[in-house]
Amino acid sequence: MHHNAINHLSLGYPGLYYTHFGIIIASAIDRIYHTYNLNPIGEVMKPFKTCSGCRTPWFSRDDFLQDSNIDLVGYQVNFGDRVLGYFLFNHALCQSTIGVPAGHFKDLHEGPIFSECLAGSEQCPGHCLNSQILDPCSAKCEGAYVRDILQILRDWPKDVCYPDKIAVGQC
């Protein structure tokens, strides 16, 4: 064990902790503790998303997307501003649907973003009108980049569910 590592059993909390100048730092780095008061110092790291059903937190976008219990199921459009729409995910552990603002994924798109909305026109296949259609769109519409992001999210690699994750309810 590292010379400044603290036995997690002595703290009464699971996990590995390190000390640095009298401060105890959890190895997961989501909480920092003072050695004389085992309450978190300052604010706890804010999760990327917390399940509205079972309160499971994901501390990063990658953790959320890689979770084998998270499935992309749709996109709820906002025709006024596409980044204000929501990508919809189902959480298999509690059967909740989680909405994540589309703006959280905008950086995943590498192509052009068109300025004209073609919804309802002859060029529009109508994908945005049905939240459960995840197919790409061939129209040169302001919503086409969202359809591109949907493809990236659909193909996001998922974590393998190892026994240690099952033991702590992560799979």
Protein backbone atom coordinates (compact mmCIF):
# COMPACT_ATOMS: atom_id res chain seq x y z
CA MET A 1 0.00 0.00 0.00
CA HIS A 2 1.27 3.48 -0.85
CA HIS A 3 2.85 5.27 2.14
CA ASN A 4 0.09 7.87 2.30
CA ALA A 5 -2.76 5.48 1.53
CA ILE A 6 -5.29 5.00 4.32
CA ASN A 7 -7.02 1.74 5.03
CA HIS A 8 -10.61 2.24 3.91
CA LEU A 9 -11.89 0.11 6.80
CA SER A 10 -10.53 2.59 9.34
CA LEU A 11 -12.64 5.34 7.77
CA GLY A 12 -15.83 3.32 7.66
CA TYR A 13 -16.33 4.11 3.96
CA PRO A 14 -15.60 1.74 1.07
CA GLY A 15 -12.80 2.61 -1.35
CA LEU A 16 -9.18 3.66 -1.26
CA TYR A 17 -8.22 7.03 0.18
CA TYR A 18 -5.00 9.07 0.08
CA THR A 19 -3.78 11.87 2.29
CA HIS A 20 -2.21 15.03 1.00
CA PHE A 21 -1.26 17.75 3.50
CA GLY A 22 -3.74 16.44 6.06
CA ILE A 23 -6.59 16.12 3.59
CA ILE A 24 -8.10 12.72 2.77
CA ILE A 25 -8.88 12.29 -0.91
CA ALA A 26 -11.06 9.42 -2.13
CA SER A 27 -9.45 7.51 -4.98
CA ALA A 28 -12.55 8.08 -7.10
CA ILE A 29 -11.87 11.83 -6.63
CA ASP A 30 -15.53 12.65 -6.24
CA ARG A 31 -15.21 13.67 -2.58
CA ILE A 32 -12.50 15.25 -0.45
CA TYR A 33 -12.44 14.72 3.32
CA HIS A 34 -10.64 16.48 6.16
CA THR A 35 -8.76 14.09 8.47
CA TYR A 36 -10.54 15.36 11.58
CA ASN A 37 -14.01 15.56 10.12
CA LEU A 38 -15.09 12.88 7.65
CA ASN A 39 -17.66 15.14 6.04
CA PRO A 40 -16.91 16.29 2.49
CA ILE A 41 -15.01 19.58 2.20
CA GLY A 42 -16.72 22.00 -0.15
CA GLU A 43 -19.04 20.67 -2.79
CA VAL A 44 -19.31 17.10 -4.00
CA MET A 45 -18.39 16.73 -7.67
CA LYS A 46 -21.53 17.36 -9.72
CA PRO A 47 -22.63 14.35 -11.79
CA PHE A 48 -23.07 14.61 -15.56
CA LYS A 49 -26.53 13.07 -15.08
CA THR A 50 -28.52 11.44 -12.27
CA CYS A 51 -31.31 8.96 -12.99
CA SER A 52 -34.67 10.47 -12.13
CA GLY A 53 -35.98 7.03 -11.15
CA CYS A 54 -33.32 5.39 -8.97
CA ARG A 55 -30.94 8.35 -8.42
CA THR A 56 -27.94 6.52 -9.96
CA PRO A 57 -25.30 9.17 -10.77
CA TRP A 58 -22.92 9.22 -13.74
CA PHE A 59 -20.00 11.59 -13.20
CA SER A 60 -19.02 11.96 -16.85
CA ARG A 61 -20.62 11.77 -20.26
CA ASP A 62 -18.42 8.78 -21.12
CA ASP A 63 -19.50 6.92 -17.95
CA PHE A 64 -23.12 7.54 -18.90
CA LEU A 65 -22.81 6.50 -22.55
CA GLN A 66 -20.64 3.45 -21.78
CA ASP A 67 -23.06 2.10 -19.17
CA SER A 68 -24.49 -1.16 -20.49
CA ASN A 69 -27.79 -0.33 -18.73
CA ILE A 70 -28.30 2.86 -20.76
CA ASP A 71 -30.03 2.62 -24.15
CA LEU A 72 -30.71 5.47 -26.56
CA VAL A 73 -34.42 5.42 -27.41
CA GLY A 74 -35.20 8.77 -29.00
CA TYR A 75 -34.82 12.46 -29.56
CA GLN A 76 -37.37 15.07 -28.49
CA VAL A 77 -37.01 17.97 -30.91
CA ASN A 78 -37.15 21.67 -30.14
CA PHE A 79 -37.74 23.35 -33.50
CA GLY A 80 -36.85 26.79 -32.10
CA ASP A 81 -33.35 25.71 -31.04
CA ARG A 82 -32.06 22.19 -31.71
CA VAL A 83 -29.57 22.25 -28.82
CA LEU A 84 -32.57 22.68 -26.51
CA GLY A 85 -34.01 19.34 -27.64
CA TYR A 86 -33.44 16.19 -25.58
CA PHE A 87 -31.80 12.86 -26.33
CA LEU A 88 -33.84 10.19 -24.56
CA PHE A 89 -32.28 7.17 -22.87
CA ASN A 90 -33.83 4.25 -21.00
CA HIS A 91 -32.17 3.06 -17.79
CA ALA A 92 -32.63 -0.71 -17.66
CA LEU A 93 -32.12 -0.99 -13.88
CA CYS A 94 -35.20 1.02 -12.98
CA GLN A 95 -37.01 1.36 -16.34
CA SER A 96 -36.83 5.18 -16.24
CA THR A 97 -36.41 7.39 -19.28
CA ILE A 98 -33.69 10.00 -18.89
CA GLY A 99 -33.64 13.16 -21.00
CA VAL A 100 -30.25 14.75 -21.66
CA PRO A 101 -30.08 18.18 -23.36
CA ALA A 102 -28.85 17.86 -26.94
CA GLY A 103 -26.31 20.59 -26.30
CA HIS A 104 -24.32 18.15 -24.13
CA PHE A 105 -23.47 16.20 -27.28
CA LYS A 106 -23.04 18.96 -29.89
CA ASP A 107 -19.25 18.56 -29.88
CA LEU A 108 -19.60 15.02 -31.26
CA HIS A 109 -20.73 16.35 -34.65
CA GLU A 110 -17.93 17.11 -37.10
CA GLY A 111 -19.85 18.02 -40.27
CA PRO A 112 -21.73 21.08 -41.44
CA ILE A 113 -24.63 22.57 -39.51
CA PHE A 114 -27.27 23.92 -41.87
CA SER A 115 -29.31 26.98 -40.94
CA GLU A 116 -32.60 26.28 -42.73
CA CYS A 117 -35.36 24.19 -41.14
CA LEU A 118 -36.92 21.88 -43.74
CA ALA A 119 -39.45 20.25 -41.38
CA GLY A 120 -42.72 19.74 -43.18
CA SER A 121 -41.23 20.42 -46.65
CA GLU A 122 -40.97 17.95 -49.54
CA GLN A 123 -37.27 17.37 -48.72
CA CYS A 124 -38.10 16.34 -45.14
CA PRO A 125 -38.52 12.63 -44.38
CA GLY A 126 -40.21 13.56 -41.06
CA HIS A 127 -37.77 11.85 -38.70
CA CYS A 128 -37.81 14.73 -36.19
CA LEU A 129 -41.59 14.51 -35.91
CA ASN A 130 -41.37 11.07 -34.29
CA SER A 131 -39.15 10.95 -31.19
CA GLN A 132 -38.53 7.22 -31.59
CA ILE A 133 -37.06 7.37 -35.10
CA LEU A 134 -33.28 7.31 -34.76
CA ASP A 135 -32.40 7.06 -38.46
CA PRO A 136 -30.07 9.54 -40.19
CA CYS A 137 -31.57 12.29 -42.32
CA SER A 138 -30.41 13.11 -45.85
CA ALA A 139 -32.03 16.57 -45.91
CA LYS A 140 -29.72 19.59 -45.68
CA CYS A 141 -31.71 20.82 -42.70
CA GLU A 142 -30.75 22.44 -39.40
CA GLY A 143 -31.75 19.18 -37.70
CA ALA A 144 -29.45 16.96 -39.79
CA TYR A 145 -26.55 17.32 -37.35
CA VAL A 146 -28.76 15.96 -34.54
CA ARG A 147 -29.46 12.89 -36.68
CA ASP A 148 -25.67 12.49 -37.11
CA ILE A 149 -25.18 12.64 -33.33
CA LEU A 150 -27.91 10.01 -32.91
CA GLN A 151 -25.83 7.63 -35.05
CA ILE A 152 -22.73 8.29 -32.93
CA LEU A 153 -24.69 7.67 -29.71
CA ARG A 154 -26.27 4.48 -31.10
CA ASP A 155 -22.81 3.07 -31.86
CA TRP A 156 -21.16 4.17 -28.60
CA PRO A 157 -19.19 1.21 -27.13
CA LYS A 158 -20.65 -0.19 -23.92
CA ASP A 159 -18.74 -1.43 -20.88
CA VAL A 160 -18.57 -5.13 -20.25
CA CYS A 161 -20.36 -5.99 -17.02
CA TYR A 162 -17.67 -7.47 -14.76
CA PRO A 163 -18.54 -9.16 -11.42
CA ASP A 164 -17.14 -6.26 -9.35
CA LYS A 165 -19.58 -3.89 -11.08
CA ILE A 166 -22.47 -6.29 -10.52
CA ALA A 167 -21.56 -6.47 -6.82
CA VAL A 168 -22.04 -2.72 -6.37
CA GLY A 169 -25.16 -2.45 -8.54
CA GLN A 170 -23.50 -0.86 -11.60
CA CYS A 171 -24.69 -3.59 -13.98
